[in-house]
Amino acid sequence: MVLALVFVGGVACWFVSGLPLALRAILLAAAFLAPLLSNRLRRAALATRRLRVEVDGVGLRRLRGDEVLEDVRWDELVAVSIVTSDEGPDADDFFLLLRGAEGGRCVIALDCACELDLLARLQQLPRFDNEALASSAGSARWREFVCWEGAPGEGLAASEAAPQAGSQAQQGSAQG
C-alpha cells in the first residue's frame, strides 16, 4: 500500500510545475524503483518462511525444504558462540553459532533457538559460560561471545538435555 502511494505520488509530482526539475526526477525514479524493491522484499520473505531448524538426539540442522544447509552433530560439537549485530531492532541481530570438529557449523537466530529451548540444552555443556551469554544480551554491534569450547564428544551433554525429541522450528532469518 505504501509503495503504491510512493509510485502514484512520484508520477504525480512529475507534473507539478512548482517543484525543481531535479526533485521531480528523483521522485519519479523512486516511483519506478518502489515496485522492484517490493518484489525483492517479498521474495526474501518467502525464502525465510521455508527455512527451519531441527534438533534431535543426534544434532541440529538448518534446512530449506528437504535440503540441509548446515548441520552439527552433538558428538562433533566443539564451540558455541553468540554473534550479535547492529541490524536490530527490525531484523534478527542475535544468533547462536555452533561449530563442529570437522568444520561443520550451524547459525540459528535467537527467536528460533528460543522456540526449540536450545539455550537450555546448551547450558548443560560442561563449562558453559553464562556470563558471556549475559554480556551478549547488551550488545548492539557486530561481536562474537564465546560461551563454550570443548573437545569432540563433550557436546553429547547437550543431546542428553533433550526437552523434546525431534523438535523443529521455523528460522526467522534468511541466511545461507
Protein backbone atom coordinates (compact mmCIF):
# COMPACT_ATOMS: atom_id res chain seq x y z
CA MET A 1 0.00 0.00 0.00
CA VAL A 2 2.76 2.43 0.96
CA LEU A 3 4.72 1.53 -2.16
CA ALA A 4 1.63 2.15 -4.32
CA LEU A 5 1.32 5.62 -2.78
CA VAL A 6 5.02 6.29 -3.47
CA PHE A 7 4.51 5.24 -7.10
CA VAL A 8 1.42 7.39 -7.64
CA GLY A 9 2.94 10.30 -5.72
CA GLY A 10 6.17 10.14 -7.69
CA VAL A 11 4.39 10.13 -11.04
CA ALA A 12 2.05 12.92 -9.93
CA CYS A 13 4.99 15.07 -8.75
CA TRP A 14 6.46 14.99 -12.27
CA PHE A 15 3.54 17.08 -13.47
CA VAL A 16 3.65 19.63 -10.61
CA SER A 17 5.33 22.65 -12.14
CA GLY A 18 6.30 24.30 -8.82
CA LEU A 19 8.92 21.62 -7.98
CA PRO A 20 12.50 21.88 -9.25
CA LEU A 21 13.26 19.52 -12.13
CA ALA A 22 15.90 17.60 -10.13
CA LEU A 23 13.44 16.90 -7.30
CA ARG A 24 10.78 15.79 -9.78
CA ALA A 25 13.30 13.42 -11.42
CA ILE A 26 14.25 11.90 -8.04
CA LEU A 27 10.60 11.38 -7.09
CA LEU A 28 9.83 9.81 -10.46
CA ALA A 29 12.82 7.44 -10.14
CA ALA A 30 11.65 6.45 -6.64
CA ALA A 31 8.19 5.81 -8.05
CA PHE A 32 9.53 3.30 -10.58
CA LEU A 33 12.01 1.64 -8.18
CA ALA A 34 9.45 1.10 -5.40
CA PRO A 35 7.67 -1.85 -7.09
CA LEU A 36 11.02 -3.51 -7.87
CA LEU A 37 12.11 -3.26 -4.24
CA SER A 38 8.73 -4.54 -3.10
CA ASN A 39 9.11 -7.70 -5.22
CA ARG A 40 12.62 -8.28 -3.92
CA LEU A 41 11.47 -7.96 -0.30
CA ARG A 42 8.52 -10.26 -0.96
CA ARG A 43 10.83 -12.95 -2.41
CA ALA A 44 13.19 -12.65 0.57
CA ALA A 45 10.26 -13.01 2.98
CA LEU A 46 9.07 -16.15 1.21
CA ALA A 47 12.58 -17.63 1.36
CA THR A 48 12.80 -17.10 5.11
CA ARG A 49 9.49 -18.89 5.66
CA ARG A 50 10.87 -22.02 4.06
CA LEU A 51 13.86 -22.21 6.43
CA ARG A 52 13.56 -24.40 9.50
CA VAL A 53 15.76 -25.85 12.21
CA GLU A 54 15.55 -29.41 13.53
CA VAL A 55 17.06 -30.57 16.81
CA ASP A 56 17.23 -34.17 18.00
CA GLY A 57 19.50 -36.53 19.94
CA VAL A 58 21.97 -36.68 17.03
CA GLY A 59 22.45 -32.94 16.45
CA LEU A 60 20.87 -29.97 14.78
CA ARG A 61 20.24 -29.00 11.18
CA ARG A 62 19.14 -25.87 9.37
CA LEU A 63 17.11 -26.77 6.28
CA ARG A 64 15.37 -25.17 3.33
CA GLY A 65 12.71 -27.64 2.29
CA ASP A 66 14.45 -31.02 2.36
CA GLU A 67 17.91 -29.54 1.66
CA VAL A 68 20.29 -29.45 4.64
CA LEU A 69 22.05 -26.07 4.61
CA GLU A 70 24.06 -26.52 7.81
CA ASP A 71 24.39 -29.19 10.45
CA VAL A 72 26.38 -30.09 13.54
CA ARG A 73 26.29 -33.40 15.38
CA TRP A 74 26.41 -33.28 19.18
CA ASP A 75 29.39 -35.67 19.28
CA GLU A 76 31.35 -33.31 16.97
CA LEU A 77 30.37 -30.03 18.70
CA VAL A 78 33.48 -28.11 19.82
CA ALA A 79 32.31 -24.49 20.22
CA VAL A 80 29.21 -22.41 20.92
CA SER A 81 29.22 -18.66 20.38
CA ILE A 82 26.68 -15.89 20.31
CA VAL A 83 27.06 -13.43 17.46
CA THR A 84 25.37 -10.05 17.75
CA SER A 85 24.94 -7.43 15.05
CA ASP A 86 23.95 -3.81 14.67
CA GLU A 87 20.98 -4.80 12.47
CA GLY A 88 18.23 -4.63 15.14
CA PRO A 89 15.60 -3.95 16.23
CA ASP A 90 13.73 -4.63 12.96
CA ALA A 91 15.96 -7.54 11.90
CA ASP A 92 17.50 -10.57 13.54
CA ASP A 93 20.54 -9.35 15.45
CA PHE A 94 21.31 -12.21 17.86
CA PHE A 95 22.46 -15.63 16.63
CA LEU A 96 23.80 -18.85 18.06
CA LEU A 97 26.83 -20.17 16.18
CA LEU A 98 27.62 -23.84 16.77
CA ARG A 99 30.84 -25.27 15.34
CA GLY A 100 31.77 -28.89 14.75
CA ALA A 101 35.21 -30.52 14.83
CA GLU A 102 35.04 -31.40 11.14
CA GLY A 103 34.31 -27.80 10.07
CA GLY A 104 30.53 -28.08 10.20
CA ARG A 105 28.58 -25.19 11.60
CA CYS A 106 25.05 -24.07 12.22
CA VAL A 107 23.81 -20.49 12.67
CA ILE A 108 20.45 -20.10 14.40
CA ALA A 109 18.54 -16.90 15.09
CA LEU A 110 17.61 -16.27 18.73
CA ASP A 111 13.85 -16.45 18.20
CA CYS A 112 14.20 -19.88 16.61
CA ALA A 113 16.60 -21.04 19.37
CA CYS A 114 14.04 -19.97 21.98
CA GLU A 115 11.24 -21.93 20.26
CA LEU A 116 13.44 -25.02 20.42
CA ASP A 117 14.59 -24.36 24.01
CA LEU A 118 18.10 -24.67 22.58
CA LEU A 119 19.79 -22.44 25.16
CA ALA A 120 18.63 -24.78 27.94
CA ARG A 121 20.27 -27.67 26.07
CA LEU A 122 23.49 -25.77 25.53
CA GLN A 123 23.70 -24.68 29.16
CA GLN A 124 24.07 -28.37 30.04
CA LEU A 125 27.50 -28.36 28.38
CA PRO A 126 30.36 -28.57 30.89
CA ARG A 127 31.91 -25.12 31.49
CA PHE A 128 29.20 -23.24 29.57
CA ASP A 129 29.89 -19.53 30.21
CA ASN A 130 26.61 -17.93 31.29
CA GLU A 131 28.43 -14.63 31.86
CA ALA A 132 29.26 -14.46 28.14
CA LEU A 133 25.59 -15.18 27.41
CA ALA A 134 24.51 -12.34 29.71
CA SER A 135 27.08 -9.94 28.22
CA SER A 136 25.85 -10.66 24.70
CA ALA A 137 22.35 -9.50 25.58
CA GLY A 138 23.55 -5.90 25.89
CA SER A 139 25.49 -5.78 22.62
CA ALA A 140 24.21 -3.65 19.76
CA ARG A 141 27.16 -4.13 17.39
CA TRP A 142 28.86 -6.92 15.46
CA ARG A 143 30.56 -9.05 18.07
CA GLU A 144 31.15 -12.70 18.94
CA PHE A 145 30.83 -14.01 22.51
CA VAL A 146 32.35 -17.46 23.05
CA CYS A 147 30.14 -19.32 25.52
CA TRP A 148 31.67 -22.77 25.33
CA GLU A 149 34.64 -24.61 23.88
CA GLY A 150 35.25 -28.29 24.33
CA ALA A 151 36.61 -31.45 22.82
CA PRO A 152 34.69 -33.68 20.40
CA GLY A 153 32.33 -35.82 22.44
CA GLU A 154 31.71 -33.26 25.21
CA GLY A 155 28.81 -31.86 23.19
CA LEU A 156 26.86 -35.04 23.88
CA ALA A 157 25.82 -33.41 27.17
CA ALA A 158 23.51 -31.18 25.10
CA SER A 159 21.95 -34.18 23.36
CA GLU A 160 21.00 -35.70 26.70
CA ALA A 161 19.26 -32.49 27.79
CA ALA A 162 16.55 -33.03 25.19
CA PRO A 163 13.40 -31.12 26.21
CA GLN A 164 11.58 -32.55 23.17
CA ALA A 165 12.95 -35.23 20.89
CA GLY A 166 12.82 -34.22 17.25
CA SER A 167 11.95 -30.55 17.86
CA GLN A 168 11.75 -28.20 14.94
CA ALA A 169 11.04 -24.52 14.44
CA GLN A 170 10.88 -22.02 11.61
CA GLN A 171 14.05 -19.99 11.12
CA GLY A 172 13.43 -16.26 11.14
CA SER A 173 16.48 -15.22 9.14
CA ALA A 174 17.39 -15.96 5.60
CA GLN A 175 21.00 -16.98 5.78
CA GLY A 176 23.00 -19.46 3.84
